[in-house]
Protein backbone atom coordinates (compact mmCIF):
# COMPACT_ATOMS: atom_id res chain seq x y z
CA UNK A 1 21.65 24.69 -4.07
CA UNK A 2 19.61 21.69 -2.92
CA UNK A 3 21.42 18.51 -1.91
CA UNK A 4 18.92 15.79 -3.60
CA UNK A 5 19.98 13.00 -1.50
CA UNK A 6 18.93 14.55 1.46
CA UNK A 7 15.20 15.16 0.12
CA UNK A 8 14.90 11.57 -1.55
CA UNK A 9 16.06 12.06 -5.09
CA UNK A 10 17.62 9.05 -6.51
CA UNK A 11 20.88 10.80 -7.94
CA UNK A 12 22.17 7.31 -8.74
CA UNK A 13 19.61 5.73 -10.54
CA UNK A 14 19.83 2.60 -8.70
CA UNK A 15 16.13 1.98 -8.07
CA UNK A 16 14.96 -1.57 -7.52
CA UNK A 17 13.31 -2.88 -10.80
CA UNK A 18 9.60 -2.50 -10.40
CA UNK A 19 9.81 -0.45 -7.04
CA UNK A 20 10.03 -3.80 -5.37
CA UNK A 21 10.45 -2.90 -1.53
CA UNK A 22 8.68 -5.58 0.35
CA UNK A 23 6.80 -3.99 3.11
CA UNK A 24 8.35 -4.34 6.95
CA UNK A 25 6.89 -6.66 9.02
CA UNK A 26 6.32 -4.37 11.62
CA UNK A 27 4.40 -2.09 9.84
CA UNK A 28 1.76 -4.72 8.89
CA UNK A 29 1.54 -5.67 12.46
CA UNK A 30 0.83 -2.07 13.57
CA UNK A 31 -1.84 -1.65 11.21
CA UNK A 32 -3.57 -5.16 12.17
CA UNK A 33 -3.77 -3.38 15.81
CA UNK A 34 -5.66 -0.48 14.26
CA UNK A 35 -7.92 -1.99 11.76
CA UNK A 36 -9.63 -5.14 11.03
CA UNK A 37 -11.20 -6.68 8.03
CA UNK A 38 -14.51 -8.60 7.18
CA UNK A 39 -14.28 -11.21 4.68
CA UNK A 40 -11.08 -12.09 2.24
CA UNK A 41 -8.01 -10.24 1.36
CA UNK A 42 -6.56 -9.50 -2.00
CA UNK A 43 -2.62 -8.56 -1.82
CA UNK A 44 -2.62 -7.78 -5.48
CA UNK A 45 1.25 -6.65 -5.27
CA UNK A 46 2.23 -9.21 -3.12
CA UNK A 47 5.94 -9.47 -4.03
CA UNK A 48 7.74 -12.09 -1.88
CA UNK A 49 4.65 -12.47 0.59
CA UNK A 50 5.80 -9.96 3.34
CA UNK A 51 2.15 -8.71 3.86
CA UNK A 52 0.35 -11.62 2.55
CA UNK A 53 2.38 -14.19 5.49
CA UNK A 54 1.47 -11.60 8.27
CA UNK A 55 -2.12 -11.66 7.23
CA UNK A 56 -2.33 -15.54 6.89
CA UNK A 57 -0.65 -15.86 10.46
CA UNK A 58 -3.59 -13.66 11.61
CA UNK A 59 -6.33 -15.57 10.22
CA UNK A 60 -7.35 -13.87 7.25
CA UNK A 61 -8.10 -15.98 3.88
CA UNK A 62 -5.87 -13.88 1.67
CA UNK A 63 -5.44 -14.38 -2.42
CA UNK A 64 -1.76 -13.08 -3.35
CA UNK A 65 -0.96 -11.67 -6.75
CA UNK A 66 1.79 -10.05 -8.63
CA UNK A 67 2.74 -8.70 -11.91
CA UNK A 68 6.24 -10.18 -11.49
CA UNK A 69 6.91 -13.62 -10.50
CA UNK A 70 8.90 -13.54 -7.24
CA UNK A 71 8.19 -17.11 -6.16
CA UNK A 72 5.11 -15.98 -4.06
CA UNK A 73 1.53 -15.94 -4.58
CA UNK A 74 -1.35 -17.50 -6.22
CA UNK A 75 -1.25 -16.21 -9.77
CA UNK A 76 0.89 -13.75 -11.70
CA UNK A 77 -1.24 -11.06 -13.10
CA UNK A 78 -1.68 -7.29 -13.85
CA UNK A 79 -3.90 -5.94 -11.10
CA UNK A 80 -4.74 -2.98 -13.12
CA UNK A 81 -5.87 -5.03 -16.16
CA UNK A 82 -8.43 -7.21 -13.86
CA UNK A 83 -11.92 -5.95 -14.56
CA UNK A 84 -13.89 -9.10 -13.80
CA UNK A 85 -13.26 -9.37 -9.92
CA UNK A 86 -14.90 -8.21 -6.74
CA UNK A 87 -13.32 -8.84 -3.34
CA UNK A 88 -14.24 -7.88 0.17
CA UNK A 89 -10.60 -6.05 0.80
CA UNK A 90 -7.43 -5.21 -0.71
CA UNK A 91 -4.15 -4.55 1.38
CA UNK A 92 -1.04 -3.84 -0.56
CA UNK A 93 2.17 -1.93 -1.19
CA UNK A 94 2.12 -1.02 -4.72
CA UNK A 95 4.80 0.67 -6.81
CA UNK A 96 4.86 4.23 -5.98
CA UNK A 97 4.84 5.25 -9.55
CA UNK A 98 1.33 3.69 -10.11
CA UNK A 99 -0.11 4.22 -6.74
CA UNK A 100 -3.06 6.53 -8.12
CA UNK A 101 -3.97 3.99 -10.53
CA UNK A 102 -3.91 1.34 -7.95
CA UNK A 103 -6.02 3.26 -5.60
CA UNK A 104 -8.80 4.35 -8.32
CA UNK A 105 -8.93 0.62 -9.55
CA UNK A 106 -8.86 -0.94 -6.10
CA UNK A 107 -11.93 1.12 -5.05
CA UNK A 108 -13.73 -0.35 -8.09
CA UNK A 109 -12.76 -3.80 -7.01
CA UNK A 110 -13.42 -3.86 -3.29
CA UNK A 111 -16.54 -4.13 -1.23
CA UNK A 112 -15.22 -2.92 1.74
CA UNK A 113 -11.54 -1.66 2.45
CA UNK A 114 -8.56 -0.74 0.29
CA UNK A 115 -5.66 -0.49 2.14
CA UNK A 116 -2.41 1.34 0.75
CA UNK A 117 1.18 1.36 2.22
CA UNK A 118 2.65 4.68 1.02
CA UNK A 119 5.00 7.51 1.18
CA UNK A 120 3.33 10.18 3.37
CA UNK A 121 3.58 12.55 0.32
CA UNK A 122 0.98 10.35 -1.30
CA UNK A 123 -1.23 13.14 0.16
CA UNK A 124 0.07 15.61 -2.06
CA UNK A 125 -0.59 16.28 -5.75
CA UNK A 126 -3.41 17.88 -7.62
CA UNK A 127 -4.37 14.81 -9.70
CA UNK A 128 -4.86 12.50 -6.53
CA UNK A 129 -6.61 15.29 -4.89
CA UNK A 130 -9.08 15.66 -7.87
CA UNK A 131 -9.59 12.37 -8.74
CA UNK A 132 -8.96 10.36 -5.68
CA UNK A 133 -9.18 12.44 -2.43
CA UNK A 134 -12.46 14.29 -3.66
CA UNK A 135 -14.41 10.98 -3.54
CA UNK A 136 -14.40 11.03 0.39
CA UNK A 137 -13.44 7.35 1.00
CA UNK A 138 -10.17 8.09 2.69
CA UNK A 139 -11.18 7.05 5.99
CA UNK A 140 -8.05 6.68 8.11
CA UNK A 141 -4.30 7.45 7.63
CA UNK A 142 -1.87 6.11 9.86
CA UNK A 143 1.32 7.60 9.91
CA UNK A 144 4.40 5.40 10.92
CA UNK A 145 6.28 7.26 13.51
CA UNK A 146 9.57 5.20 13.14
CA UNK A 147 11.55 5.70 10.16
CA UNK A 148 11.49 1.88 8.55
CA UNK A 149 14.25 -0.36 7.97
CA UNK A 150 13.55 -2.07 4.57
CA UNK A 151 14.97 -5.45 3.53
CA UNK A 152 18.45 -5.05 2.41
CA UNK A 153 19.03 -1.85 3.83
CA UNK A 154 21.20 -1.15 7.12
CA UNK A 155 19.32 1.70 8.36
CA UNK A 156 16.02 3.22 8.38
CA UNK A 157 15.50 5.88 5.41
CA UNK A 158 14.29 9.47 4.99
CA UNK A 159 11.08 8.94 4.00
CA UNK A 160 7.93 8.73 6.00
CA UNK A 161 5.37 6.07 5.53
CA UNK A 162 1.61 5.66 6.04
CA UNK A 163 -0.99 3.28 5.68
CA UNK A 164 -4.30 4.85 3.75
CA UNK A 165 -7.39 3.22 4.46
CA UNK A 166 -10.02 3.88 1.75
CA UNK A 167 -13.64 2.54 2.81
CA UNK A 168 -16.17 2.36 -0.01
CA UNK A 169 -18.78 2.58 2.42
CA UNK A 170 -17.50 5.71 4.16
CA UNK A 171 -18.31 9.21 2.87
CA UNK A 172 -16.34 12.12 4.77
CA UNK A 173 -12.69 13.43 5.82
CA UNK A 174 -10.15 11.04 7.21
CA UNK A 175 -8.84 10.81 10.49
CA UNK A 176 -5.30 10.79 11.10
CA UNK A 177 -3.51 8.83 13.52
CA UNK A 178 -0.02 7.57 14.61
CA UNK A 179 1.49 3.99 14.87
């Protein structure tokens, strides 16, 4: 019998509402050591500003929004229903259950890069392969070598995370690196 707690299954049904898990600061800092961005950035699932604040400190112009008002951001809006905006870049940590939707919608919204903070298992799945990865816009995957400690948790988790960098001006297979 498989112990579901070991493989990350939530047997207690105690997940945070709306998958609100603020991105650890170190993850965003490591991303910025590998990638630079031309033009403005939209953090469209900004939560409490964990990613946005670092981007602003690094000199980027950032528009921050979220579906849920958590006391941070320029507006409360459903990113998946915004069809009349174009922006240079998006960097975000969307709810995992909506990651495919965020990726597909994001690719229609950016002029340059769409960057998603996701569990490494985001690479799995027939639907993601067919609808997203077959577009050949995934340019870089940065696997986070250390298990991250999320706000409110005493230790790092069992899951591996990575930054997935899509570039609408790219057509090819992704490169993988570790941070």
